[in-house]
Amino acid sequence: MPKMKTKSGAKKRFKVSASGRIKRGQAFKRHILTKKTTKRIRQLRGMTEVHASDKAMVRSMMPYA
């Protein structure tokens, strides 16, 4: 049986923590930032956890993570 490949897009977008949680970056912080408040932009910093309903899909894209 050949090895399964990791989806390169998923590899760039998701990180798996030591405890097995999947982290992702926040959306809505790339462009059109002038109309967004400073508070809103500040709260979009950092990583957040992938929703429970999406975890199985992300895990299938990253079989060895």
N, C-alpha and C. Protein backbone atom coordinates (compact mmCIF):
# COMPACT_ATOMS: atom_id res chain seq x y z
N MET A 1 0.85 -1.19 0.00
CA MET A 1 0.00 0.00 0.00
C MET A 1 0.89 1.25 0.00
N PRO A 2 0.68 2.19 -0.92
CA PRO A 2 1.50 3.40 -0.91
C PRO A 2 1.10 4.32 0.24
N LYS A 3 2.00 5.22 0.56
CA LYS A 3 1.72 6.19 1.62
C LYS A 3 0.62 7.15 1.16
N MET A 4 -0.15 7.64 2.14
CA MET A 4 -1.15 8.66 1.83
C MET A 4 -0.47 10.02 1.81
N LYS A 5 -0.96 10.88 0.92
CA LYS A 5 -0.38 12.22 0.83
C LYS A 5 -1.17 13.21 1.67
N THR A 6 -0.44 14.14 2.27
CA THR A 6 -1.06 15.25 2.98
C THR A 6 -1.43 16.32 1.96
N LYS A 7 -2.63 16.90 2.09
CA LYS A 7 -3.03 18.00 1.21
C LYS A 7 -2.16 19.21 1.53
N SER A 8 -1.47 19.74 0.52
CA SER A 8 -0.53 20.82 0.77
C SER A 8 -1.22 22.09 1.25
N GLY A 9 -2.46 22.31 0.82
CA GLY A 9 -3.21 23.48 1.29
C GLY A 9 -3.53 23.38 2.77
N ALA A 10 -3.88 22.19 3.22
CA ALA A 10 -4.19 21.98 4.64
C ALA A 10 -2.94 22.10 5.49
N LYS A 11 -1.82 21.63 4.95
CA LYS A 11 -0.54 21.70 5.66
C LYS A 11 -0.18 23.15 5.98
N LYS A 12 -0.50 24.06 5.04
CA LYS A 12 -0.18 25.47 5.23
C LYS A 12 -1.15 26.17 6.17
N ARG A 13 -2.37 25.67 6.29
CA ARG A 13 -3.41 26.40 7.02
C ARG A 13 -3.66 25.92 8.44
N PHE A 14 -3.31 24.68 8.75
CA PHE A 14 -3.65 24.11 10.05
C PHE A 14 -2.42 23.64 10.79
N LYS A 15 -2.45 23.76 12.12
CA LYS A 15 -1.40 23.22 12.98
C LYS A 15 -2.07 22.32 14.00
N VAL A 16 -1.43 21.19 14.31
CA VAL A 16 -1.95 20.28 15.32
C VAL A 16 -1.11 20.45 16.58
N SER A 17 -1.77 20.72 17.71
CA SER A 17 -1.06 20.91 18.97
C SER A 17 -0.65 19.56 19.54
N ALA A 18 0.14 19.61 20.60
CA ALA A 18 0.62 18.37 21.23
C ALA A 18 -0.53 17.56 21.81
N SER A 19 -1.58 18.25 22.24
CA SER A 19 -2.74 17.55 22.81
C SER A 19 -3.70 17.05 21.73
N GLY A 20 -3.41 17.37 20.46
CA GLY A 20 -4.23 16.86 19.36
C GLY A 20 -5.27 17.83 18.85
N ARG A 21 -5.33 19.02 19.43
CA ARG A 21 -6.29 20.01 18.94
C ARG A 21 -5.78 20.62 17.64
N ILE A 22 -6.70 20.96 16.74
CA ILE A 22 -6.33 21.53 15.45
C ILE A 22 -6.58 23.03 15.51
N LYS A 23 -5.53 23.81 15.21
CA LYS A 23 -5.64 25.25 15.26
C LYS A 23 -5.65 25.81 13.85
N ARG A 24 -6.33 26.95 13.69
CA ARG A 24 -6.39 27.64 12.40
C ARG A 24 -6.27 29.13 12.64
N GLY A 25 -5.86 29.85 11.59
CA GLY A 25 -5.79 31.30 11.67
C GLY A 25 -7.17 31.90 11.51
N GLN A 26 -7.32 33.14 11.95
CA GLN A 26 -8.60 33.82 11.84
C GLN A 26 -8.81 34.34 10.42
N ALA A 27 -10.04 34.34 9.98
CA ALA A 27 -10.41 34.88 8.68
C ALA A 27 -10.71 36.38 8.81
N PHE A 28 -10.94 37.04 7.69
CA PHE A 28 -11.36 38.44 7.61
C PHE A 28 -10.30 39.44 8.05
N LYS A 29 -9.03 39.11 7.86
CA LYS A 29 -7.98 40.05 8.26
C LYS A 29 -6.96 40.30 7.15
N ARG A 30 -7.34 40.08 5.91
CA ARG A 30 -6.39 40.21 4.80
C ARG A 30 -6.49 41.56 4.09
N HIS A 31 -7.69 42.04 3.84
CA HIS A 31 -7.86 43.28 3.09
C HIS A 31 -9.17 43.94 3.51
N ILE A 32 -9.41 45.14 3.00
CA ILE A 32 -10.56 45.98 3.37
C ILE A 32 -10.57 46.18 4.89
N LEU A 33 -9.43 46.56 5.44
CA LEU A 33 -9.30 46.73 6.88
C LEU A 33 -9.68 48.13 7.35
N THR A 34 -9.81 49.07 6.42
CA THR A 34 -10.06 50.45 6.82
C THR A 34 -11.43 50.62 7.44
N LYS A 35 -12.42 49.87 6.99
CA LYS A 35 -13.77 50.01 7.55
C LYS A 35 -13.97 49.18 8.81
N LYS A 36 -13.03 48.31 9.14
CA LYS A 36 -13.14 47.48 10.34
C LYS A 36 -12.54 48.23 11.52
N THR A 37 -13.16 48.13 12.67
CA THR A 37 -12.68 48.86 13.84
C THR A 37 -11.37 48.26 14.34
N THR A 38 -10.61 49.07 15.06
CA THR A 38 -9.34 48.62 15.62
C THR A 38 -9.55 47.45 16.56
N LYS A 39 -10.62 47.52 17.34
CA LYS A 39 -10.94 46.43 18.28
C LYS A 39 -11.18 45.13 17.53
N ARG A 40 -11.94 45.21 16.45
CA ARG A 40 -12.27 44.01 15.67
C ARG A 40 -11.02 43.39 15.05
N ILE A 41 -10.14 44.23 14.50
CA ILE A 41 -8.90 43.73 13.90
C ILE A 41 -8.01 43.10 14.96
N ARG A 42 -7.93 43.74 16.14
CA ARG A 42 -7.10 43.23 17.23
C ARG A 42 -7.60 41.87 17.70
N GLN A 43 -8.91 41.69 17.75
CA GLN A 43 -9.48 40.43 18.22
C GLN A 43 -9.34 39.30 17.20
N LEU A 44 -8.98 39.64 15.96
CA LEU A 44 -8.77 38.62 14.94
C LEU A 44 -7.34 38.09 14.93
N ARG A 45 -6.49 38.60 15.82
CA ARG A 45 -5.11 38.11 15.90
C ARG A 45 -5.07 36.70 16.45
N GLY A 46 -3.98 36.02 16.18
CA GLY A 46 -3.75 34.72 16.80
C GLY A 46 -4.52 33.59 16.15
N MET A 47 -4.46 32.45 16.81
CA MET A 47 -5.07 31.23 16.27
C MET A 47 -6.31 30.89 17.09
N THR A 48 -7.20 30.13 16.46
CA THR A 48 -8.38 29.63 17.15
C THR A 48 -8.55 28.17 16.79
N GLU A 49 -9.40 27.47 17.50
CA GLU A 49 -9.56 26.04 17.29
C GLU A 49 -10.55 25.78 16.16
N VAL A 50 -10.32 24.72 15.40
CA VAL A 50 -11.23 24.32 14.33
C VAL A 50 -12.52 23.79 14.96
N HIS A 51 -13.65 24.12 14.36
CA HIS A 51 -14.95 23.70 14.89
C HIS A 51 -15.06 22.17 14.88
N ALA A 52 -15.80 21.64 15.85
CA ALA A 52 -15.92 20.19 16.02
C ALA A 52 -16.47 19.50 14.77
N SER A 53 -17.37 20.16 14.06
CA SER A 53 -17.97 19.54 12.87
C SER A 53 -16.99 19.47 11.70
N ASP A 54 -15.90 20.25 11.74
CA ASP A 54 -14.92 20.26 10.65
C ASP A 54 -13.67 19.44 10.97
N LYS A 55 -13.53 18.98 12.22
CA LYS A 55 -12.30 18.29 12.61
C LYS A 55 -12.04 17.03 11.80
N ALA A 56 -13.07 16.23 11.54
CA ALA A 56 -12.89 14.98 10.80
C ALA A 56 -12.38 15.25 9.39
N MET A 57 -12.89 16.29 8.75
CA MET A 57 -12.47 16.63 7.41
C MET A 57 -11.01 17.07 7.39
N VAL A 58 -10.61 17.89 8.37
CA VAL A 58 -9.22 18.35 8.43
C VAL A 58 -8.28 17.19 8.71
N ARG A 59 -8.68 16.30 9.61
CA ARG A 59 -7.84 15.14 9.93
C ARG A 59 -7.65 14.25 8.71
N SER A 60 -8.68 14.10 7.87
CA SER A 60 -8.54 13.27 6.68
C SER A 60 -7.58 13.89 5.67
N MET A 61 -7.50 15.22 5.67
CA MET A 61 -6.58 15.92 4.77
C MET A 61 -5.14 15.84 5.27
N MET A 62 -4.96 15.62 6.57
CA MET A 62 -3.62 15.54 7.17
C MET A 62 -3.48 14.21 7.90
N PRO A 63 -3.27 13.11 7.20
CA PRO A 63 -3.31 11.80 7.84
C PRO A 63 -2.19 11.54 8.82
N TYR A 64 -1.06 12.23 8.71
CA TYR A 64 0.08 11.94 9.59
C TYR A 64 0.30 13.02 10.63
N ALA A 65 -0.60 13.98 10.74
CA ALA A 65 -0.43 15.08 11.70
C ALA A 65 -1.00 14.71 13.05
